[in-house]
Amino acid sequence: MSSSLETINDVPVLIWDTEGETLGSESDALDVIGNTSYQGAEWAVIPASQLDEAFFRLSTRLAGDIIQKFVQYRVGLAVVGDISPHLEASSALRDFVRECNRGRQTWFLADVEELRERLSG
């Protein structure tokens, strides 16, 4: 995945592109975290389309493992894009997303504009 560095409301964010490999393992997450930190960004913005389908099935534990890595290395994670088909299929995922969005570390957002709003407050 390629990326571009932006500053949103004085917060450096690394916005990952919709092309390339999917994020599907803890190792992939560490690569993203390392690159994000190397670029001086505090947040990684990952398109939902770049997450492996297993991420959205909580029984695989992939989402928890990946998010834990971001928490451990103190890099914010914003998943942007439409995940409504996944939410419709799983009440557990709906609850998980709702809880993440209440916090300050991991957000599931419709688009980068919604991230701008969140980072301004």
PDB file of N, CA and C in Angstrom:
ATOM      1  N   MET A   1       0.842  -1.180   0.000  1.00  0.00           N
ATOM      2  CA  MET A   1       0.000   0.000   0.000  1.00  0.00           C
ATOM      3  C   MET A   1       0.882   1.235   0.000  1.00  0.00           C
ATOM      4  N   SER A   2       0.504   2.205  -0.777  1.00  0.00           N
ATOM      5  CA  SER A   2       1.213   3.481  -0.748  1.00  0.00           C
ATOM      6  C   SER A   2       0.434   4.442   0.140  1.00  0.00           C
ATOM      7  N   SER A   3       1.071   5.561   0.468  1.00  0.00           N
ATOM      8  CA  SER A   3       0.451   6.465   1.421  1.00  0.00           C
ATOM      9  C   SER A   3       0.830   7.909   1.128  1.00  0.00           C
ATOM     10  N   SER A   4       0.091   8.830   1.758  1.00  0.00           N
ATOM     11  CA  SER A   4       0.418  10.248   1.672  1.00  0.00           C
ATOM     12  C   SER A   4       0.263  10.863   3.057  1.00  0.00           C
ATOM     13  N   LEU A   5       1.191  11.730   3.395  1.00  0.00           N
ATOM     14  CA  LEU A   5       1.197  12.386   4.700  1.00  0.00           C
ATOM     15  C   LEU A   5       0.427  13.694   4.600  1.00  0.00           C
ATOM     16  N   GLU A   6      -0.488  13.907   5.528  1.00  0.00           N
ATOM     17  CA  GLU A   6      -1.261  15.141   5.606  1.00  0.00           C
ATOM     18  C   GLU A   6      -1.281  15.613   7.043  1.00  0.00           C
ATOM     19  N   THR A   7      -1.535  16.886   7.223  1.00  0.00           N
ATOM     20  CA  THR A   7      -1.754  17.419   8.557  1.00  0.00           C
ATOM     21  C   THR A   7      -3.202  17.866   8.624  1.00  0.00           C
ATOM     22  N   ILE A   8      -3.927  17.312   9.570  1.00  0.00           N
ATOM     23  CA  ILE A   8      -5.330  17.649   9.765  1.00  0.00           C
ATOM     24  C   ILE A   8      -5.469  18.247  11.157  1.00  0.00           C
ATOM     25  N   ASN A   9      -5.806  19.537  11.202  1.00  0.00           N
ATOM     26  CA  ASN A   9      -5.961  20.234  12.485  1.00  0.00           C
ATOM     27  C   ASN A   9      -4.737  20.040  13.379  1.00  0.00           C
ATOM     28  N   ASP A  10      -3.570  20.266  12.797  1.00  0.00           N
ATOM     29  CA  ASP A  10      -2.279  20.155  13.489  1.00  0.00           C
ATOM     30  C   ASP A  10      -1.905  18.737  13.902  1.00  0.00           C
ATOM     31  N   VAL A  11      -2.598  17.748  13.379  1.00  0.00           N
ATOM     32  CA  VAL A  11      -2.284  16.349  13.683  1.00  0.00           C
ATOM     33  C   VAL A  11      -1.776  15.682  12.403  1.00  0.00           C
ATOM     34  N   PRO A  12      -0.540  15.177  12.419  1.00  0.00           N
ATOM     35  CA  PRO A  12      -0.035  14.483  11.229  1.00  0.00           C
ATOM     36  C   PRO A  12      -0.689  13.106  11.082  1.00  0.00           C
ATOM     37  N   VAL A  13      -1.237  12.867   9.885  1.00  0.00           N
ATOM     38  CA  VAL A  13      -1.883  11.589   9.597  1.00  0.00           C
ATOM     39  C   VAL A  13      -1.306  11.023   8.306  1.00  0.00           C
ATOM     40  N   LEU A  14      -1.170   9.722   8.276  1.00  0.00           N
ATOM     41  CA  LEU A  14      -0.718   9.034   7.075  1.00  0.00           C
ATOM     42  C   LEU A  14      -1.920   8.330   6.470  1.00  0.00           C
ATOM     43  N   ILE A  15      -2.313   8.779   5.285  1.00  0.00           N
ATOM     44  CA  ILE A  15      -3.489   8.238   4.619  1.00  0.00           C
ATOM     45  C   ILE A  15      -3.024   7.194   3.617  1.00  0.00           C
ATOM     46  N   TRP A  16      -3.462   5.956   3.858  1.00  0.00           N
ATOM     47  CA  TRP A  16      -3.068   4.841   3.010  1.00  0.00           C
ATOM     48  C   TRP A  16      -3.981   4.769   1.800  1.00  0.00           C
ATOM     49  N   ASP A  17      -3.427   4.368   0.689  1.00  0.00           N
ATOM     50  CA  ASP A  17      -4.127   4.292  -0.581  1.00  0.00           C
ATOM     51  C   ASP A  17      -5.015   3.054  -0.653  1.00  0.00           C
ATOM     52  N   THR A  18      -5.925   3.066  -1.591  1.00  0.00           N
ATOM     53  CA  THR A  18      -6.839   1.937  -1.777  1.00  0.00           C
ATOM     54  C   THR A  18      -6.252   0.853  -2.666  1.00  0.00           C
ATOM     55  N   GLU A  19      -5.022   1.010  -3.079  1.00  0.00           N
ATOM     56  CA  GLU A  19      -4.360   0.028  -3.946  1.00  0.00           C
ATOM     57  C   GLU A  19      -3.371  -0.800  -3.144  1.00  0.00           C
ATOM     58  N   GLY A  20      -3.072  -1.982  -3.634  1.00  0.00           N
ATOM     59  CA  GLY A  20      -2.010  -2.797  -3.053  1.00  0.00           C
ATOM     60  C   GLY A  20      -2.517  -3.890  -2.146  1.00  0.00           C
ATOM     61  N   GLU A  21      -1.604  -4.401  -1.342  1.00  0.00           N
ATOM     62  CA  GLU A  21      -1.881  -5.523  -0.444  1.00  0.00           C
ATOM     63  C   GLU A  21      -2.901  -5.130   0.621  1.00  0.00           C
ATOM     64  N   THR A  22      -3.651  -6.125   1.066  1.00  0.00           N
ATOM     65  CA  THR A  22      -4.584  -5.880   2.157  1.00  0.00           C
ATOM     66  C   THR A  22      -3.867  -6.041   3.494  1.00  0.00           C
ATOM     67  N   LEU A  23      -4.431  -5.425   4.494  1.00  0.00           N
ATOM     68  CA  LEU A  23      -3.929  -5.541   5.856  1.00  0.00           C
ATOM     69  C   LEU A  23      -4.626  -6.754   6.457  1.00  0.00           C
ATOM     70  N   GLY A  24      -3.858  -7.834   6.651  1.00  0.00           N
ATOM     71  CA  GLY A  24      -4.493  -9.077   7.058  1.00  0.00           C
ATOM     72  C   GLY A  24      -3.787  -9.846   8.155  1.00  0.00           C
ATOM     73  N   SER A  25      -2.796  -9.214   8.799  1.00  0.00           N
ATOM     74  CA  SER A  25      -2.085  -9.919   9.865  1.00  0.00           C
ATOM     75  C   SER A  25      -1.456  -8.907  10.821  1.00  0.00           C
ATOM     76  N   GLU A  26      -1.022  -9.406  11.968  1.00  0.00           N
ATOM     77  CA  GLU A  26      -0.316  -8.545  12.912  1.00  0.00           C
ATOM     78  C   GLU A  26       0.965  -8.010  12.287  1.00  0.00           C
ATOM     79  N   SER A  27       1.620  -8.829  11.483  1.00  0.00           N
ATOM     80  CA  SER A  27       2.846  -8.406  10.810  1.00  0.00           C
ATOM     81  C   SER A  27       2.567  -7.234   9.856  1.00  0.00           C
ATOM     82  N   ASP A  28       1.455  -7.330   9.118  1.00  0.00           N
ATOM     83  CA  ASP A  28       1.062  -6.223   8.242  1.00  0.00           C
ATOM     84  C   ASP A  28       0.807  -4.963   9.060  1.00  0.00           C
ATOM     85  N   ALA A  29       0.147  -5.136  10.205  1.00  0.00           N
ATOM     86  CA  ALA A  29      -0.138  -3.991  11.074  1.00  0.00           C
ATOM     87  C   ALA A  29       1.161  -3.346  11.555  1.00  0.00           C
ATOM     88  N   LEU A  30       2.134  -4.165  11.930  1.00  0.00           N
ATOM     89  CA  LEU A  30       3.416  -3.620  12.378  1.00  0.00           C
ATOM     90  C   LEU A  30       4.115  -2.853  11.261  1.00  0.00           C
ATOM     91  N   ASP A  31       3.997  -3.324  10.019  1.00  0.00           N
ATOM     92  CA  ASP A  31       4.567  -2.597   8.880  1.00  0.00           C
ATOM     93  C   ASP A  31       3.908  -1.231   8.740  1.00  0.00           C
ATOM     94  N   VAL A  32       2.583  -1.188   8.856  1.00  0.00           N
ATOM     95  CA  VAL A  32       1.855   0.077   8.747  1.00  0.00           C
ATOM     96  C   VAL A  32       2.239   1.011   9.892  1.00  0.00           C
ATOM     97  N   ILE A  33       2.299   0.472  11.098  1.00  0.00           N
ATOM     98  CA  ILE A  33       2.668   1.267  12.274  1.00  0.00           C
ATOM     99  C   ILE A  33       4.080   1.822  12.121  1.00  0.00           C
ATOM    100  N   GLY A  34       5.004   0.977  11.690  1.00  0.00           N
ATOM    101  CA  GLY A  34       6.384   1.421  11.508  1.00  0.00           C
ATOM    102  C   GLY A  34       6.488   2.526  10.474  1.00  0.00           C
ATOM    103  N   ASN A  35       5.821   2.365   9.366  1.00  0.00           N
ATOM    104  CA  ASN A  35       5.855   3.374   8.317  1.00  0.00           C
ATOM    105  C   ASN A  35       5.181   4.662   8.776  1.00  0.00           C
ATOM    106  N   THR A  36       4.068   4.522   9.482  1.00  0.00           N
ATOM    107  CA  THR A  36       3.351   5.690   9.993  1.00  0.00           C
ATOM    108  C   THR A  36       4.244   6.470  10.955  1.00  0.00           C
ATOM    109  N   SER A  37       4.872   5.768  11.877  1.00  0.00           N
ATOM    110  CA  SER A  37       5.766   6.416  12.843  1.00  0.00           C
ATOM    111  C   SER A  37       6.976   7.033  12.153  1.00  0.00           C
ATOM    112  N   TYR A  38       7.555   6.308  11.203  1.00  0.00           N
ATOM    113  CA  TYR A  38       8.722   6.799  10.473  1.00  0.00           C
ATOM    114  C   TYR A  38       8.413   8.117   9.761  1.00  0.00           C
ATOM    115  N   GLN A  39       7.187   8.227   9.237  1.00  0.00           N
ATOM    116  CA  GLN A  39       6.775   9.445   8.529  1.00  0.00           C
ATOM    117  C   GLN A  39       6.432  10.574   9.503  1.00  0.00           C
ATOM    118  N   GLY A  40       6.425  10.279  10.795  1.00  0.00           N
ATOM    119  CA  GLY A  40       6.116  11.296  11.799  1.00  0.00           C
ATOM    120  C   GLY A  40       4.633  11.497  12.032  1.00  0.00           C
ATOM    121  N   ALA A  41       3.818  10.561  11.586  1.00  0.00           N
ATOM    122  CA  ALA A  41       2.370  10.686  11.742  1.00  0.00           C
ATOM    123  C   ALA A  41       1.914  10.079  13.066  1.00  0.00           C
ATOM    124  N   GLU A  42       0.822  10.611  13.590  1.00  0.00           N
ATOM    125  CA  GLU A  42       0.227  10.107  14.817  1.00  0.00           C
ATOM    126  C   GLU A  42      -0.941   9.174  14.550  1.00  0.00           C
ATOM    127  N   TRP A  43      -1.484   9.245  13.338  1.00  0.00           N
ATOM    128  CA  TRP A  43      -2.637   8.437  12.945  1.00  0.00           C
ATOM    129  C   TRP A  43      -2.375   7.762  11.619  1.00  0.00           C
ATOM    130  N   ALA A  44      -2.846   6.525  11.489  1.00  0.00           N
ATOM    131  CA  ALA A  44      -2.871   5.818  10.209  1.00  0.00           C
ATOM    132  C   ALA A  44      -4.328   5.767   9.768  1.00  0.00           C
ATOM    133  N   VAL A  45      -4.579   6.181   8.535  1.00  0.00           N
ATOM    134  CA  VAL A  45      -5.929   6.159   7.974  1.00  0.00           C
ATOM    135  C   VAL A  45      -5.955   5.057   6.922  1.00  0.00           C
ATOM    136  N   ILE A  46      -6.700   4.005   7.216  1.00  0.00           N
ATOM    137  CA  ILE A  46      -6.742   2.819   6.366  1.00  0.00           C
ATOM    138  C   ILE A  46      -8.122   2.715   5.713  1.00  0.00           C
ATOM    139  N   PRO A  47      -8.175   2.631   4.390  1.00  0.00           N
ATOM    140  CA  PRO A  47      -9.475   2.390   3.747  1.00  0.00           C
ATOM    141  C   PRO A  47     -10.011   1.021   4.164  1.00  0.00           C
ATOM    142  N   ALA A  48     -11.292   0.960   4.462  1.00  0.00           N
ATOM    143  CA  ALA A  48     -11.906  -0.302   4.869  1.00  0.00           C
ATOM    144  C   ALA A  48     -11.697  -1.381   3.813  1.00  0.00           C
ATOM    145  N   SER A  49     -11.639  -0.975   2.559  1.00  0.00           N
ATOM    146  CA  SER A  49     -11.442  -1.938   1.468  1.00  0.00           C
ATOM    147  C   SER A  49     -10.070  -2.598   1.512  1.00  0.00           C
ATOM    148  N   GLN A  50      -9.133  -2.039   2.261  1.00  0.00           N
ATOM    149  CA  GLN A  50      -7.788  -2.602   2.358  1.00  0.00           C
ATOM    150  C   GLN A  50      -7.633  -3.551   3.544  1.00  0.00           C
ATOM    151  N   LEU A  51      -8.717  -3.759   4.291  1.00  0.00           N
ATOM    152  CA  LEU A  51      -8.678  -4.713   5.393  1.00  0.00           C
ATOM    153  C   LEU A  51      -9.171  -6.066   4.908  1.00  0.00           C
ATOM    154  N   ASP A  52      -8.452  -7.090   5.292  1.00  0.00           N
ATOM    155  CA  ASP A  52      -8.848  -8.453   4.947  1.00  0.00           C
ATOM    156  C   ASP A  52     -10.251  -8.716   5.487  1.00  0.00           C
ATOM    157  N   GLU A  53     -11.022  -9.503   4.779  1.00  0.00           N
ATOM    158  CA  GLU A  53     -12.394  -9.831   5.198  1.00  0.00           C
ATOM    159  C   GLU A  53     -12.417 -10.430   6.604  1.00  0.00           C
ATOM    160  N   ALA A  54     -11.386 -11.145   6.988  1.00  0.00           N
ATOM    161  CA  ALA A  54     -11.322 -11.758   8.318  1.00  0.00           C
ATOM    162  C   ALA A  54     -11.343 -10.709   9.425  1.00  0.00           C
ATOM    163  N   PHE A  55     -10.887  -9.505   9.131  1.00  0.00           N
ATOM    164  CA  PHE A  55     -10.894  -8.424  10.115  1.00  0.00           C
ATOM    165  C   PHE A  55     -12.304  -8.184  10.635  1.00  0.00           C
ATOM    166  N   PHE A  56     -13.284  -8.288   9.765  1.00  0.00           N
ATOM    167  CA  PHE A  56     -14.664  -7.963  10.114  1.00  0.00           C
ATOM    168  C   PHE A  56     -15.421  -9.140  10.730  1.00  0.00           C
ATOM    169  N   ARG A  57     -14.782 -10.283  10.834  1.00  0.00           N
ATOM    170  CA  ARG A  57     -15.355 -11.436  11.539  1.00  0.00           C
ATOM    171  C   ARG A  57     -14.633 -11.531  12.887  1.00  0.00           C
ATOM    172  N   LEU A  58     -15.267 -11.042  13.919  1.00  0.00           N
ATOM    173  CA  LEU A  58     -14.603 -10.938  15.218  1.00  0.00           C
ATOM    174  C   LEU A  58     -14.136 -12.278  15.754  1.00  0.00           C
ATOM    175  N   SER A  59     -14.757 -13.352  15.327  1.00  0.00           N
ATOM    176  CA  SER A  59     -14.352 -14.677  15.803  1.00  0.00           C
ATOM    177  C   SER A  59     -12.924 -15.034  15.381  1.00  0.00           C
ATOM    178  N   THR A  60     -12.399 -14.380  14.354  1.00  0.00           N
ATOM    179  CA  THR A  60     -11.023 -14.641  13.918  1.00  0.00           C
ATOM    180  C   THR A  60     -10.006 -13.981  14.838  1.00  0.00           C
ATOM    181  N   ARG A  61     -10.447 -13.007  15.629  1.00  0.00           N
ATOM    182  CA  ARG A  61      -9.596 -12.228  16.538  1.00  0.00           C
ATOM    183  C   ARG A  61      -8.631 -11.299  15.808  1.00  0.00           C
ATOM    184  N   LEU A  62      -8.704 -11.236  14.484  1.00  0.00           N
ATOM    185  CA  LEU A  62      -7.778 -10.400  13.724  1.00  0.00           C
ATOM    186  C   LEU A  62      -7.948  -8.921  14.058  1.00  0.00           C
ATOM    187  N   ALA A  63      -9.189  -8.447  14.133  1.00  0.00           N
ATOM    188  CA  ALA A  63      -9.424  -7.036  14.447  1.00  0.00           C
ATOM    189  C   ALA A  63      -8.810  -6.683  15.799  1.00  0.00           C
ATOM    190  N   GLY A  64      -9.071  -7.502  16.801  1.00  0.00           N
ATOM    191  CA  GLY A  64      -8.522  -7.249  18.130  1.00  0.00           C
ATOM    192  C   GLY A  64      -7.005  -7.263  18.148  1.00  0.00           C
ATOM    193  N   ASP A  65      -6.414  -8.218  17.451  1.00  0.00           N
ATOM    194  CA  ASP A  65      -4.951  -8.316  17.409  1.00  0.00           C
ATOM    195  C   ASP A  65      -4.332  -7.103  16.719  1.00  0.00           C
ATOM    196  N   ILE A  66      -4.930  -6.686  15.607  1.00  0.00           N
ATOM    197  CA  ILE A  66      -4.396  -5.537  14.871  1.00  0.00           C
ATOM    198  C   ILE A  66      -4.571  -4.259  15.678  1.00  0.00           C
ATOM    199  N   ILE A  67      -5.751  -4.051  16.218  1.00  0.00           N
ATOM    200  CA  ILE A  67      -5.993  -2.831  16.988  1.00  0.00           C
ATOM    201  C   ILE A  67      -5.104  -2.791  18.221  1.00  0.00           C
ATOM    202  N   GLN A  68      -4.867  -3.928  18.835  1.00  0.00           N
ATOM    203  CA  GLN A  68      -3.980  -3.974  19.998  1.00  0.00           C
ATOM    204  C   GLN A  68      -2.575  -3.491  19.645  1.00  0.00           C
ATOM    205  N   LYS A  69      -2.091  -3.839  18.468  1.00  0.00           N
ATOM    206  CA  LYS A  69      -0.763  -3.371  18.038  1.00  0.00           C
ATOM    207  C   LYS A  69      -0.744  -1.850  17.918  1.00  0.00           C
ATOM    208  N   PHE A  70      -1.803  -1.279  17.353  1.00  0.00           N
ATOM    209  CA  PHE A  70      -1.867   0.182  17.230  1.00  0.00           C
ATOM    210  C   PHE A  70      -1.893   0.837  18.604  1.00  0.00           C
ATOM    211  N   VAL A  71      -2.640   0.260  19.531  1.00  0.00           N
ATOM    212  CA  VAL A  71      -2.697   0.786  20.894  1.00  0.00           C
ATOM    213  C   VAL A  71      -1.322   0.684  21.553  1.00  0.00           C
ATOM    214  N   GLN A  72      -0.707  -0.474  21.416  1.00  0.00           N
ATOM    215  CA  GLN A  72       0.605  -0.719  22.038  1.00  0.00           C
ATOM    216  C   GLN A  72       1.646   0.290  21.576  1.00  0.00           C
ATOM    217  N   TYR A  73       1.620   0.636  20.295  1.00  0.00           N
ATOM    218  CA  TYR A  73       2.616   1.567  19.756  1.00  0.00           C
ATOM    219  C   TYR A  73       2.121   3.008  19.716  1.00  0.00           C
ATOM    220  N   ARG A  74       0.956   3.241  20.300  1.00  0.00           N
ATOM    221  CA  ARG A  74       0.391   4.586  20.433  1.00  0.00           C
ATOM    222  C   ARG A  74       0.233   5.306  19.090  1.00  0.00           C
ATOM    223  N   VAL A  75      -0.273   4.569  18.123  1.00  0.00           N
ATOM    224  CA  VAL A  75      -0.599   5.138  16.814  1.00  0.00           C
ATOM    225  C   VAL A  75      -2.107   5.011  16.652  1.00  0.00           C
ATOM    226  N   GLY A  76      -2.763   6.135  16.368  1.00  0.00           N
ATOM    227  CA  GLY A  76      -4.205   6.099  16.155  1.00  0.00           C
ATOM    228  C   GLY A  76      -4.532   5.367  14.864  1.00  0.00           C
ATOM    229  N   LEU A  77      -5.689   4.719  14.842  1.00  0.00           N
ATOM    230  CA  LEU A  77      -6.137   4.001  13.659  1.00  0.00           C
ATOM    231  C   LEU A  77      -7.526   4.494  13.281  1.00  0.00           C
ATOM    232  N   ALA A  78      -7.649   4.993  12.061  1.00  0.00           N
ATOM    233  CA  ALA A  78      -8.951   5.384  11.525  1.00  0.00           C
ATOM    234  C   ALA A  78      -9.225   4.510  10.309  1.00  0.00           C
ATOM    235  N   VAL A  79     -10.280   3.719  10.399  1.00  0.00           N
ATOM    236  CA  VAL A  79     -10.733   2.910   9.273  1.00  0.00           C
ATOM    237  C   VAL A  79     -11.813   3.721   8.583  1.00  0.00           C
ATOM    238  N   VAL A  80     -11.586   4.073   7.311  1.00  0.00           N
ATOM    239  CA  VAL A  80     -12.547   4.908   6.601  1.00  0.00           C
ATOM    240  C   VAL A  80     -13.179   4.138   5.445  1.00  0.00           C
ATOM    241  N   GLY A  81     -14.471   4.368   5.280  1.00  0.00           N
ATOM    242  CA  GLY A  81     -15.185   3.726   4.192  1.00  0.00           C
ATOM    243  C   GLY A  81     -16.440   3.043   4.687  1.00  0.00           C
ATOM    244  N   ASP A  82     -17.174   2.510   3.756  1.00  0.00           N
ATOM    245  CA  ASP A  82     -18.456   1.881   4.045  1.00  0.00           C
ATOM    246  C   ASP A  82     -18.257   0.444   4.529  1.00  0.00           C
ATOM    247  N   ILE A  83     -18.604   0.210   5.778  1.00  0.00           N
ATOM    248  CA  ILE A  83     -18.540  -1.151   6.319  1.00  0.00           C
ATOM    249  C   ILE A  83     -19.946  -1.655   6.654  1.00  0.00           C
ATOM    250  N   SER A  84     -20.964  -0.991   6.124  1.00  0.00           N
ATOM    251  CA  SER A  84     -22.346  -1.338   6.473  1.00  0.00           C
ATOM    252  C   SER A  84     -22.713  -2.803   6.181  1.00  0.00           C
ATOM    253  N   PRO A  85     -22.233  -3.416   5.096  1.00  0.00           N
ATOM    254  CA  PRO A  85     -22.569  -4.840   4.914  1.00  0.00           C
ATOM    255  C   PRO A  85     -22.051  -5.717   6.064  1.00  0.00           C
ATOM    256  N   HIS A  86     -20.881  -5.390   6.564  1.00  0.00           N
ATOM    257  CA  HIS A  86     -20.317  -6.147   7.688  1.00  0.00           C
ATOM    258  C   HIS A  86     -21.123  -5.890   8.962  1.00  0.00           C
ATOM    259  N   LEU A  87     -21.526  -4.637   9.157  1.00  0.00           N
ATOM    260  CA  LEU A  87     -22.296  -4.284  10.352  1.00  0.00           C
ATOM    261  C   LEU A  87     -23.670  -4.945  10.338  1.00  0.00           C
ATOM    262  N   GLU A  88     -24.287  -5.019   9.170  1.00  0.00           N
ATOM    263  CA  GLU A  88     -25.600  -5.641   9.052  1.00  0.00           C
ATOM    264  C   GLU A  88     -25.528  -7.137   9.358  1.00  0.00           C
ATOM    265  N   ALA A  89     -24.389  -7.736   9.097  1.00  0.00           N
ATOM    266  CA  ALA A  89     -24.231  -9.175   9.286  1.00  0.00           C
ATOM    267  C   ALA A  89     -23.864  -9.571  10.716  1.00  0.00           C
ATOM    268  N   SER A  90     -23.478  -8.598  11.548  1.00  0.00           N
ATOM    269  CA  SER A  90     -22.960  -8.968  12.869  1.00  0.00           C
ATOM    270  C   SER A  90     -23.291  -7.916  13.925  1.00  0.00           C
ATOM    271  N   SER A  91     -24.122  -8.301  14.885  1.00  0.00           N
ATOM    272  CA  SER A  91     -24.414  -7.373  15.984  1.00  0.00           C
ATOM    273  C   SER A  91     -23.176  -7.188  16.867  1.00  0.00           C
ATOM    274  N   ALA A  92     -22.356  -8.221  16.977  1.00  0.00           N
ATOM    275  CA  ALA A  92     -21.127  -8.099  17.772  1.00  0.00           C
ATOM    276  C   ALA A  92     -20.196  -7.060  17.148  1.00  0.00           C
ATOM    277  N   LEU A  93     -20.096  -7.055  15.824  1.00  0.00           N
ATOM    278  CA  LEU A  93     -19.255  -6.063  15.152  1.00  0.00           C
ATOM    279  C   LEU A  93     -19.836  -4.662  15.346  1.00  0.00           C
ATOM    280  N   ARG A  94     -21.151  -4.534  15.270  1.00  0.00           N
ATOM    281  CA  ARG A  94     -21.777  -3.219  15.508  1.00  0.00           C
ATOM    282  C   ARG A  94     -21.408  -2.704  16.894  1.00  0.00           C
ATOM    283  N   ASP A  95     -21.477  -3.570  17.894  1.00  0.00           N
ATOM    284  CA  ASP A  95     -21.117  -3.182  19.261  1.00  0.00           C
ATOM    285  C   ASP A  95     -19.640  -2.810  19.356  1.00  0.00           C
ATOM    286  N   PHE A  96     -18.801  -3.590  18.712  1.00  0.00           N
ATOM    287  CA  PHE A  96     -17.352  -3.346  18.713  1.00  0.00           C
ATOM    288  C   PHE A  96     -17.042  -1.979  18.104  1.00  0.00           C
ATOM    289  N   VAL A  97     -17.641  -1.695  16.949  1.00  0.00           N
ATOM    290  CA  VAL A  97     -17.409  -0.415  16.261  1.00  0.00           C
ATOM    291  C   VAL A  97     -17.915   0.742  17.124  1.00  0.00           C
ATOM    292  N   ARG A  98     -19.082   0.576  17.718  1.00  0.00           N
ATOM    293  CA  ARG A  98     -19.641   1.628  18.574  1.00  0.00           C
ATOM    294  C   ARG A  98     -18.691   1.932  19.737  1.00  0.00           C
ATOM    295  N   GLU A  99     -18.165   0.886  20.372  1.00  0.00           N
ATOM    296  CA  GLU A  99     -17.238   1.084  21.487  1.00  0.00           C
ATOM    297  C   GLU A  99     -15.934   1.746  21.024  1.00  0.00           C
ATOM    298  N   CYS A 100     -15.402   1.310  19.893  1.00  0.00           N
ATOM    299  CA  CYS A 100     -14.181   1.934  19.364  1.00  0.00           C
ATOM    300  C   CYS A 100     -14.407   3.421  19.109  1.00  0.00           C
ATOM    301  N   ASN A 101     -15.544   3.745  18.516  1.00  0.00           N
ATOM    302  CA  ASN A 101     -15.820   5.138  18.160  1.00  0.00           C
ATOM    303  C   ASN A 101     -16.041   6.032  19.373  1.00  0.00           C
ATOM    304  N   ARG A 102     -16.293   5.450  20.526  1.00  0.00           N
ATOM    305  CA  ARG A 102     -16.419   6.229  21.760  1.00  0.00           C
ATOM    306  C   ARG A 102     -15.054   6.628  22.317  1.00  0.00           C
ATOM    307  N   GLY A 103     -14.035   5.909  21.910  1.00  0.00           N
ATOM    308  CA  GLY A 103     -12.693   6.149  22.443  1.00  0.00           C
ATOM    309  C   GLY A 103     -11.914   7.189  21.658  1.00  0.00           C
ATOM    310  N   ARG A 104     -10.610   7.202  21.888  1.00  0.00           N
ATOM    311  CA  ARG A 104      -9.735   8.188  21.262  1.00  0.00           C
ATOM    312  C   ARG A 104      -8.601   7.541  20.468  1.00  0.00           C
ATOM    313  N   GLN A 105      -8.659   6.218  20.287  1.00  0.00           N
ATOM    314  CA  GLN A 105      -7.556   5.492  19.672  1.00  0.00           C
ATOM    315  C   GLN A 105      -7.901   4.894  18.319  1.00  0.00           C
ATOM    316  N   THR A 106      -9.107   4.355  18.197  1.00  0.00           N
ATOM    317  CA  THR A 106      -9.520   3.656  16.988  1.00  0.00           C
ATOM    318  C   THR A 106     -10.916   4.119  16.600  1.00  0.00           C
ATOM    319  N   TRP A 107     -11.051   4.564  15.351  1.00  0.00           N
ATOM    320  CA  TRP A 107     -12.343   5.041  14.874  1.00  0.00           C
ATOM    321  C   TRP A 107     -12.688   4.384  13.546  1.00  0.00           C
ATOM    322  N   PHE A 108     -13.949   4.102  13.361  1.00  0.00           N
ATOM    323  CA  PHE A 108     -14.500   3.637  12.093  1.00  0.00           C
ATOM    324  C   PHE A 108     -15.346   4.782  11.552  1.00  0.00           C
ATOM    325  N   LEU A 109     -14.915   5.365  10.440  1.00  0.00           N
ATOM    326  CA  LEU A 109     -15.534   6.586   9.929  1.00  0.00           C
ATOM    327  C   LEU A 109     -15.934   6.428   8.473  1.00  0.00           C
ATOM    328  N   ALA A 110     -16.880   7.245   8.057  1.00  0.00           N
ATOM    329  CA  ALA A 110     -17.360   7.181   6.674  1.00  0.00           C
ATOM    330  C   ALA A 110     -16.304   7.647   5.687  1.00  0.00           C
ATOM    331  N   ASP A 111     -15.559   8.701   6.057  1.00  0.00           N
ATOM    332  CA  ASP A 111     -14.583   9.279   5.136  1.00  0.00           C
ATOM    333  C   ASP A 111     -13.585  10.153   5.891  1.00  0.00           C
ATOM    334  N   VAL A 112     -12.627  10.697   5.173  1.00  0.00           N
ATOM    335  CA  VAL A 112     -11.587  11.528   5.786  1.00  0.00           C
ATOM    336  C   VAL A 112     -12.190  12.820   6.335  1.00  0.00           C
ATOM    337  N   GLU A 113     -13.261  13.301   5.729  1.00  0.00           N
ATOM    338  CA  GLU A 113     -13.922  14.507   6.234  1.00  0.00           C
ATOM    339  C   GLU A 113     -14.425  14.295   7.665  1.00  0.00           C
ATOM    340  N   GLU A 114     -14.956  13.122   7.936  1.00  0.00           N
ATOM    341  CA  GLU A 114     -15.403  12.814   9.295  1.00  0.00           C
ATOM    342  C   GLU A 114     -14.212  12.773  10.254  1.00  0.00           C
ATOM    343  N   LEU A 115     -13.058  12.316   9.770  1.00  0.00           N
ATOM    344  CA  LEU A 115     -11.841  12.349  10.585  1.00  0.00           C
ATOM    345  C   LEU A 115     -11.455  13.791  10.896  1.00  0.00           C
ATOM    346  N   ARG A 116     -11.545  14.663   9.902  1.00  0.00           N
ATOM    347  CA  ARG A 116     -11.247  16.082  10.131  1.00  0.00           C
ATOM    348  C   ARG A 116     -12.110  16.631  11.273  1.00  0.00           C
ATOM    349  N   GLU A 117     -13.387  16.312  11.253  1.00  0.00           N
ATOM    350  CA  GLU A 117     -14.308  16.777  12.302  1.00  0.00           C
ATOM    351  C   GLU A 117     -13.899  16.221  13.660  1.00  0.00           C
ATOM    352  N   ARG A 118     -13.555  14.942  13.713  1.00  0.00           N
ATOM    353  CA  ARG A 118     -13.176  14.316  14.981  1.00  0.00           C
ATOM    354  C   ARG A 118     -11.895  14.932  15.539  1.00  0.00           C
ATOM    355  N   LEU A 119     -10.937  15.181  14.672  1.00  0.00           N
ATOM    356  CA  LEU A 119      -9.650  15.709  15.131  1.00  0.00           C
ATOM    357  C   LEU A 119      -9.737  17.194  15.493  1.00  0.00           C
ATOM    358  N   SER A 120     -10.795  17.864  15.096  1.00  0.00           N
ATOM    359  CA  SER A 120     -10.925  19.285  15.435  1.00  0.00           C
ATOM    360  C   SER A 120     -11.498  19.484  16.837  1.00  0.00           C
ATOM    361  N   GLY A 121     -12.078  18.429  17.400  1.00  0.00           N
ATOM    362  CA  GLY A 121     -12.731  18.568  18.690  1.00  0.00           C
ATOM    363  C   GLY A 121     -11.988  18.015  19.780  1.00  0.00           C
TER     364      GLY A 121
END
